[in-house]
Amino acid sequence: MTDDILEIYNSVKVSIDEANSQSDLDEIRVSMLGRKGLITDKLKGMSLITDLEEKKLLGKSINEVKNFIEEQLSSKRSAFSEKDFLESLKKTHVDITLPGRQPSVGAINILTQVEEEIVSIFNSIGFGVAEGFELDDDYHNFEALNIPYYHPARDSHDTFYVSDNRLIRTHTSGMQIRLMKDIKPPIAAISPGKVGRRDAIDAKHSPVFHQVEGFLVDKNVSFNDLKGILELFCQRIFGSRTQIRLRPDFFPFVEPGADLSATCVVCKGVGCKTCGYEGWIELMGAGMIHPNVFEHVGYDPKVYSGLAFGMGVERIAMLKYGITDIRMFYENDISFLKQW
């Protein structure tokens, strides 16, 4: 190896050892192996040498230095890459040896579960399902259901009106009117959905809740049919030993009307704090469809009769699962929702 080649070798070796970054290595590569680099110049200068033996030895020396530079640069680059990788791990604080986090698995909301169970029970005995409009008009929500203009339910303090004639429906019973106008008896349907009323929020009341309304119209429908249907429903939703009680009550769209109670799901009718030590818990309102409702939809009340009932999904869920506060359904408490 000639003195000048040896000098280049020693110089580049020191430079590579002292390099502290990838940019330093790039500068060394360009200064030595670039188009105007020292090694490149030496290779070009070999064309001027006429002595073949001298040319052979010089070419060998230059190639050895060139190969050395390339190997050292590659080795140094690998060392820098590994160092940068380890530093990036420290900055991001990621321990790649730890096991991965298992993603959370979602589930159907408890209210949806109960609503689907209610719908399934009535489907099994021949009731169809019709979902209506959450924003309804005064006629379908009140007037056609025999709720006159002076009834307290129409008070703006009790109902969410968006205009003089439009409101957030206070019940899903408006679908009863729409279906009876479009379909001739016999007809049996339920209408599940969200409703709104200006109730103060407490453990048993919410301005937004869910309801399932059902009705059946045909010739010779009797109060016995109503009792049998609701008794079957209560036994399927709460257990086969559940008993029901019907007491007279007033609702404008049914005559006669009744309040339905079932034996307490906690004490089984013995009496406890949940049922006020009476053994019964109120579930829903029901009754025979009022003749005035039939007149609004064009049914002859002398030919047809019908039954109707309506229940709150939240109330059924609270009784079925022992939930004491309706607000728990809407607070998005993951620890509560995971139970179901």
Protein backbone atom coordinates (compact mmCIF):
# COMPACT_ATOMS: atom_id res chain seq x y z
CA MET A 1 0.00 0.00 0.00
CA THR A 2 1.51 3.31 -1.08
CA ASP A 3 2.05 6.11 1.37
CA ASP A 4 -0.76 8.29 0.00
CA ILE A 5 -3.25 5.37 0.04
CA LEU A 6 -2.16 4.47 3.57
CA GLU A 7 -2.67 8.08 4.62
CA ILE A 8 -6.21 8.05 3.19
CA TYR A 9 -6.88 4.76 5.00
CA ASN A 10 -5.73 6.09 8.38
CA SER A 11 -7.60 9.38 7.91
CA VAL A 12 -10.90 7.80 6.94
CA LYS A 13 -10.65 5.24 9.75
CA VAL A 14 -10.34 8.04 12.33
CA SER A 15 -13.18 9.99 10.72
CA ILE A 16 -15.55 7.01 10.81
CA ASP A 17 -14.67 6.22 14.43
CA GLU A 18 -15.35 9.82 15.45
CA ALA A 19 -18.65 10.13 13.49
CA ASN A 20 -21.62 10.87 15.75
CA SER A 21 -24.56 10.80 13.35
CA GLN A 22 -25.90 9.56 10.05
CA SER A 23 -25.13 12.96 8.49
CA ASP A 24 -21.45 12.62 9.47
CA LEU A 25 -21.32 9.28 7.69
CA ASP A 26 -22.93 10.80 4.60
CA GLU A 27 -20.23 13.47 4.47
CA ILE A 28 -17.47 10.83 4.71
CA ARG A 29 -19.06 8.75 1.96
CA VAL A 30 -19.28 11.75 -0.39
CA SER A 31 -15.72 12.94 0.36
CA MET A 32 -14.29 9.49 -0.29
CA LEU A 33 -16.59 7.65 -2.68
CA GLY A 34 -18.55 10.45 -4.33
CA ARG A 35 -17.97 11.59 -7.93
CA LYS A 36 -15.29 14.01 -6.70
CA GLY A 37 -14.12 11.92 -3.74
CA LEU A 38 -10.49 10.96 -3.04
CA ILE A 39 -10.93 7.26 -3.80
CA THR A 40 -12.80 8.09 -7.01
CA ASP A 41 -9.95 10.42 -8.09
CA LYS A 42 -7.38 7.71 -7.37
CA LEU A 43 -9.30 5.22 -9.53
CA LYS A 44 -9.53 7.73 -12.37
CA GLY A 45 -5.76 8.46 -12.11
CA MET A 46 -4.87 4.82 -12.74
CA SER A 47 -5.43 5.36 -16.46
CA LEU A 48 -2.23 7.44 -16.53
CA ILE A 49 -0.05 4.63 -15.14
CA THR A 50 1.74 2.65 -17.84
CA ASP A 51 3.52 0.10 -15.70
CA LEU A 52 1.17 -2.87 -15.46
CA GLU A 53 2.67 -4.26 -12.25
CA GLU A 54 2.50 -0.88 -10.51
CA LYS A 55 -1.03 -0.40 -11.83
CA LYS A 56 -2.10 -3.80 -10.49
CA LEU A 57 -0.71 -3.17 -7.00
CA LEU A 58 -2.20 0.33 -6.84
CA GLY A 59 -5.61 -0.90 -7.98
CA LYS A 60 -5.56 -3.60 -5.34
CA SER A 61 -4.69 -1.09 -2.60
CA ILE A 62 -7.38 1.36 -3.69
CA ASN A 63 -10.06 -1.37 -3.81
CA GLU A 64 -9.06 -2.61 -0.36
CA VAL A 65 -9.48 0.90 1.06
CA LYS A 66 -12.75 1.35 -0.84
CA ASN A 67 -14.15 -1.94 0.51
CA PHE A 68 -13.01 -1.03 4.01
CA ILE A 69 -14.77 2.34 3.84
CA GLU A 70 -18.03 0.77 2.59
CA GLU A 71 -18.00 -1.93 5.30
CA GLN A 72 -17.23 0.54 8.08
CA LEU A 73 -19.89 2.97 6.92
CA SER A 74 -22.46 0.15 6.78
CA SER A 75 -21.52 -1.12 10.23
CA LYS A 76 -21.62 2.36 11.70
CA ARG A 77 -25.04 3.05 10.11
CA SER A 78 -26.46 -0.13 11.67
CA ALA A 79 -25.14 0.94 15.07
CA PHE A 80 -26.75 4.37 14.70
CA SER A 81 -30.08 2.84 13.59
CA GLU A 82 -30.18 0.54 16.61
CA LYS A 83 -29.31 3.42 18.90
CA ASP A 84 -32.07 5.61 17.39
CA PHE A 85 -34.57 2.77 17.76
CA LEU A 86 -33.76 2.22 21.44
CA GLU A 87 -33.97 5.96 22.13
CA SER A 88 -37.38 6.14 20.43
CA LEU A 89 -38.63 3.31 22.67
CA LYS A 90 -37.52 5.26 25.73
CA LYS A 91 -39.30 8.40 24.52
CA THR A 92 -42.61 6.65 23.81
CA HIS A 93 -42.46 4.55 27.02
CA VAL A 94 -43.65 1.42 25.26
CA ASP A 95 -42.56 -1.89 26.69
CA ILE A 96 -42.82 -4.26 23.73
CA THR A 97 -42.44 -7.26 26.03
CA LEU A 98 -45.76 -6.55 27.79
CA PRO A 99 -48.85 -8.48 26.66
CA GLY A 100 -51.34 -6.60 24.49
CA ARG A 101 -54.53 -5.07 25.87
CA GLN A 102 -57.64 -7.03 25.04
CA PRO A 103 -60.30 -4.78 23.50
CA SER A 104 -63.55 -4.32 25.38
CA VAL A 105 -66.53 -6.26 24.08
CA GLY A 106 -69.75 -4.32 23.64
CA ALA A 107 -73.23 -5.57 24.52
CA ILE A 108 -76.85 -4.67 23.87
CA ASN A 109 -78.12 -1.98 26.24
CA ILE A 110 -80.38 -3.24 29.04
CA LEU A 111 -83.35 -1.16 27.79
CA THR A 112 -82.97 -2.57 24.29
CA GLN A 113 -82.79 -6.09 25.73
CA VAL A 114 -86.04 -5.62 27.68
CA GLU A 115 -87.81 -3.95 24.76
CA GLU A 116 -86.79 -6.81 22.44
CA GLU A 117 -88.07 -9.32 25.01
CA ILE A 118 -91.43 -7.51 25.22
CA VAL A 119 -91.70 -7.39 21.43
CA SER A 120 -90.79 -11.08 21.18
CA ILE A 121 -93.55 -12.10 23.61
CA PHE A 122 -96.25 -10.22 21.70
CA ASN A 123 -94.88 -11.40 18.34
CA SER A 124 -95.31 -14.98 19.53
CA ILE A 125 -99.08 -14.47 20.00
CA GLY A 126 -99.69 -12.73 16.69
CA PHE A 127 -98.97 -9.02 17.27
CA GLY A 128 -97.13 -7.19 14.52
CA VAL A 129 -94.68 -4.34 15.16
CA ALA A 130 -95.03 -0.77 13.90
CA GLU A 131 -92.55 2.00 14.78
CA GLY A 132 -93.84 5.52 14.43
CA PHE A 133 -92.65 9.12 14.37
CA GLU A 134 -90.99 10.64 17.42
CA LEU A 135 -92.22 14.05 16.26
CA ASP A 136 -96.01 13.87 15.88
CA ASP A 137 -98.96 16.19 15.26
CA ASP A 138 -101.72 17.20 17.63
CA TYR A 139 -104.37 15.17 15.81
CA HIS A 140 -102.67 11.76 16.03
CA ASN A 141 -101.18 12.32 19.48
CA PHE A 142 -104.31 13.76 21.15
CA GLU A 143 -107.47 14.50 19.19
CA ALA A 144 -107.94 11.14 17.44
CA LEU A 145 -107.30 9.38 20.77
CA ASN A 146 -110.27 11.17 22.36
CA ILE A 147 -108.09 13.62 24.28
CA PRO A 148 -109.93 16.97 23.89
CA TYR A 149 -108.28 20.36 23.63
CA TYR A 150 -109.01 21.19 27.28
CA HIS A 151 -107.34 18.02 28.62
CA PRO A 152 -104.34 18.73 30.93
CA ALA A 153 -102.07 16.55 28.78
CA ARG A 154 -102.15 19.25 26.10
CA ASP A 155 -100.78 21.86 28.48
CA SER A 156 -97.44 23.23 27.24
CA HIS A 157 -96.13 22.81 30.77
CA ASP A 158 -96.57 19.02 30.44
CA THR A 159 -95.65 18.49 26.79
CA PHE A 160 -92.70 19.38 24.52
CA TYR A 161 -94.28 21.45 21.73
CA VAL A 162 -92.06 22.53 18.81
CA SER A 163 -94.88 24.53 17.15
CA ASP A 164 -98.60 25.10 17.63
CA ASN A 165 -99.40 21.71 16.07
CA ARG A 166 -96.17 19.70 16.40
CA LEU A 167 -94.78 18.04 19.50
CA ILE A 168 -92.52 15.28 20.72
CA ARG A 169 -94.98 12.42 21.09
CA THR A 170 -96.10 11.78 24.66
CA HIS A 171 -96.93 8.13 23.91
CA THR A 172 -96.61 5.72 20.99
CA SER A 173 -100.41 5.38 20.71
CA GLY A 174 -100.46 7.64 17.64
CA MET A 175 -99.45 4.61 15.56
CA GLN A 176 -102.73 2.98 16.62
CA ILE A 177 -104.63 5.67 14.70
CA ARG A 178 -102.41 5.46 11.61
CA LEU A 179 -102.63 1.68 11.41
CA MET A 180 -106.40 1.56 11.89
CA LYS A 181 -106.86 4.14 9.12
CA ASP A 182 -104.81 2.04 6.69
CA ILE A 183 -105.86 -1.49 7.67
CA LYS A 184 -109.28 -3.08 8.06
CA PRO A 185 -109.89 -5.36 11.06
CA PRO A 186 -108.82 -7.81 12.29
CA ILE A 187 -105.63 -6.06 13.36
CA ALA A 188 -103.18 -6.63 16.22
CA ALA A 189 -100.02 -4.59 16.65
CA ILE A 190 -97.59 -3.11 19.15
CA SER A 191 -95.65 0.11 18.78
CA PRO A 192 -92.36 0.44 20.71
CA GLY A 193 -90.40 3.68 20.82
CA LYS A 194 -89.06 6.73 22.61
CA VAL A 195 -91.41 9.37 24.02
CA GLY A 196 -91.07 12.64 25.91
CA ARG A 197 -92.93 14.47 28.66
CA ARG A 198 -92.02 17.42 30.88
CA ASP A 199 -91.59 15.34 34.00
CA ALA A 200 -89.21 16.43 36.74
CA ILE A 201 -86.20 14.12 36.94
CA ASP A 202 -86.18 11.88 39.99
CA ALA A 203 -85.72 8.20 40.83
CA LYS A 204 -88.96 7.21 39.05
CA HIS A 205 -89.45 9.92 36.39
CA SER A 206 -87.53 11.08 33.32
CA PRO A 207 -88.46 13.57 30.57
CA VAL A 208 -87.39 10.94 28.02
CA PHE A 209 -88.34 7.29 28.33
CA HIS A 210 -89.47 4.31 26.23
CA GLN A 211 -92.92 2.87 25.81
CA VAL A 212 -94.63 -0.10 24.18
CA GLU A 213 -98.26 0.41 23.21
CA GLY A 214 -100.39 -2.45 21.89
CA PHE A 215 -103.91 -2.91 20.57
CA LEU A 216 -106.19 -5.54 19.08
CA VAL A 217 -109.34 -4.88 17.03
CA ASP A 218 -111.81 -7.45 15.71
CA LYS A 219 -115.39 -8.52 16.08
CA ASN A 220 -116.38 -9.69 19.57
CA VAL A 221 -113.16 -8.67 21.35
CA SER A 222 -113.88 -8.66 25.08
CA PHE A 223 -112.36 -7.59 28.35
CA ASN A 224 -111.59 -11.26 28.98
CA ASP A 225 -109.27 -11.17 25.95
CA LEU A 226 -107.47 -8.18 27.45
CA LYS A 227 -107.05 -9.94 30.79
CA GLY A 228 -105.79 -13.15 29.16
CA ILE A 229 -103.24 -11.37 26.95
CA LEU A 230 -101.81 -9.28 29.78
CA GLU A 231 -101.72 -12.22 32.18
CA LEU A 232 -99.78 -14.25 29.62
CA PHE A 233 -97.37 -11.36 29.09
CA CYS A 234 -96.70 -10.87 32.82
CA GLN A 235 -96.09 -14.56 33.38
CA ARG A 236 -93.60 -14.72 30.52
CA ILE A 237 -91.72 -11.57 31.49
CA PHE A 238 -91.68 -12.09 35.28
CA GLY A 239 -92.27 -15.81 35.80
CA SER A 240 -95.04 -18.40 35.47
CA ARG A 241 -96.36 -17.84 39.02
CA THR A 242 -97.05 -14.14 38.46
CA GLN A 243 -100.63 -13.06 39.08
CA ILE A 244 -102.30 -9.88 37.86
CA ARG A 245 -104.91 -7.51 39.25
CA LEU A 246 -107.11 -5.16 37.21
CA ARG A 247 -108.75 -2.17 38.90
CA PRO A 248 -110.99 0.49 37.30
CA ASP A 249 -109.12 3.58 36.10
CA PHE A 250 -109.71 6.42 33.65
CA PHE A 251 -107.92 6.95 30.34
CA PRO A 252 -109.58 9.09 27.63
CA PHE A 253 -108.97 6.62 24.80
CA VAL A 254 -110.41 3.51 26.51
CA GLU A 255 -113.77 2.69 28.08
CA PRO A 256 -113.79 0.93 30.44
CA GLY A 257 -110.23 1.59 31.56
CA ALA A 258 -108.12 -0.36 34.02
CA ASP A 259 -104.91 -0.16 35.96
CA LEU A 260 -102.95 -3.42 35.80
CA SER A 261 -100.80 -4.54 38.72
CA ALA A 262 -98.76 -7.73 39.08
CA THR A 263 -97.55 -9.60 42.13
CA CYS A 264 -94.31 -8.08 43.41
CA VAL A 265 -91.31 -9.69 41.73
CA VAL A 266 -89.27 -9.25 44.94
CA CYS A 267 -91.55 -10.70 47.63
CA LYS A 268 -93.86 -12.72 45.32
CA GLY A 269 -96.94 -11.03 46.77
CA VAL A 270 -96.10 -11.36 50.47
CA GLY A 271 -95.34 -7.67 50.95
CA CYS A 272 -92.04 -5.79 51.09
CA LYS A 273 -90.51 -2.32 50.86
CA THR A 274 -90.44 -2.45 47.05
CA CYS A 275 -94.23 -2.85 46.75
CA GLY A 276 -95.09 -0.74 49.81
CA TYR A 277 -95.98 -3.92 51.69
CA GLU A 278 -99.04 -4.41 49.47
CA GLY A 279 -97.75 -7.37 47.45
CA TRP A 280 -98.72 -5.66 44.16
CA ILE A 281 -96.81 -3.38 41.77
CA GLU A 282 -98.49 -1.17 39.17
CA LEU A 283 -97.32 -1.97 35.63
CA MET A 284 -99.49 -0.32 32.99
CA GLY A 285 -102.79 1.16 31.91
CA ALA A 286 -105.20 -0.77 29.70
CA GLY A 287 -108.82 -0.99 28.59
CA MET A 288 -111.28 -1.37 25.76
CA ILE A 289 -110.83 1.11 22.89
CA HIS A 290 -113.26 4.03 23.18
CA PRO A 291 -116.02 4.25 20.51
CA ASN A 292 -114.95 7.84 19.78
CA VAL A 293 -111.52 6.54 18.68
CA PHE A 294 -113.22 4.13 16.28
CA GLU A 295 -115.24 7.00 14.78
CA HIS A 296 -112.01 8.91 14.02
CA VAL A 297 -110.64 5.98 11.99
CA GLY A 298 -113.90 4.97 10.31
CA TYR A 299 -114.61 1.77 12.25
CA ASP A 300 -118.20 1.01 13.21
CA PRO A 301 -118.19 0.64 17.05
CA LYS A 302 -121.36 -1.45 16.78
CA VAL A 303 -119.49 -4.02 14.67
CA TYR A 304 -115.97 -3.91 16.03
CA SER A 305 -114.46 -3.77 19.50
CA GLY A 306 -110.88 -3.57 20.60
CA LEU A 307 -108.46 -3.58 23.48
CA ALA A 308 -105.39 -1.43 24.14
CA PHE A 309 -102.57 -1.25 26.67
CA GLY A 310 -99.38 0.71 27.21
CA MET A 311 -96.32 0.13 29.38
CA GLY A 312 -93.01 1.85 30.12
CA VAL A 313 -89.95 -0.19 29.14
CA GLU A 314 -87.89 1.37 31.94
CA ARG A 315 -90.50 0.34 34.53
CA ILE A 316 -90.53 -3.25 33.31
CA ALA A 317 -86.71 -3.33 33.36
CA MET A 318 -86.55 -1.84 36.87
CA LEU A 319 -88.98 -4.42 38.26
CA LYS A 320 -87.46 -7.36 36.40
CA TYR A 321 -83.87 -6.63 37.49
CA GLY A 322 -84.35 -4.82 40.79
CA ILE A 323 -83.13 -1.41 39.58
CA THR A 324 -84.23 1.34 41.96
CA ASP A 325 -83.40 4.54 40.05
CA ILE A 326 -84.47 5.29 36.46
CA ARG A 327 -81.61 7.76 36.07
CA MET A 328 -79.12 4.88 36.05
CA PHE A 329 -80.26 3.99 32.51
CA TYR A 330 -79.06 7.34 31.14
CA GLU A 331 -75.90 8.19 33.09
CA ASN A 332 -73.58 5.96 30.98
CA ASP A 333 -72.08 4.36 34.07
CA ILE A 334 -69.98 1.55 32.58
CA SER A 335 -69.94 -0.42 35.84
CA PHE A 336 -73.77 -0.41 35.81
CA LEU A 337 -74.14 -1.22 32.12
CA LYS A 338 -71.64 -4.10 32.28
CA GLN A 339 -73.94 -5.99 34.62
CA TRP A 340 -76.32 -6.67 31.76
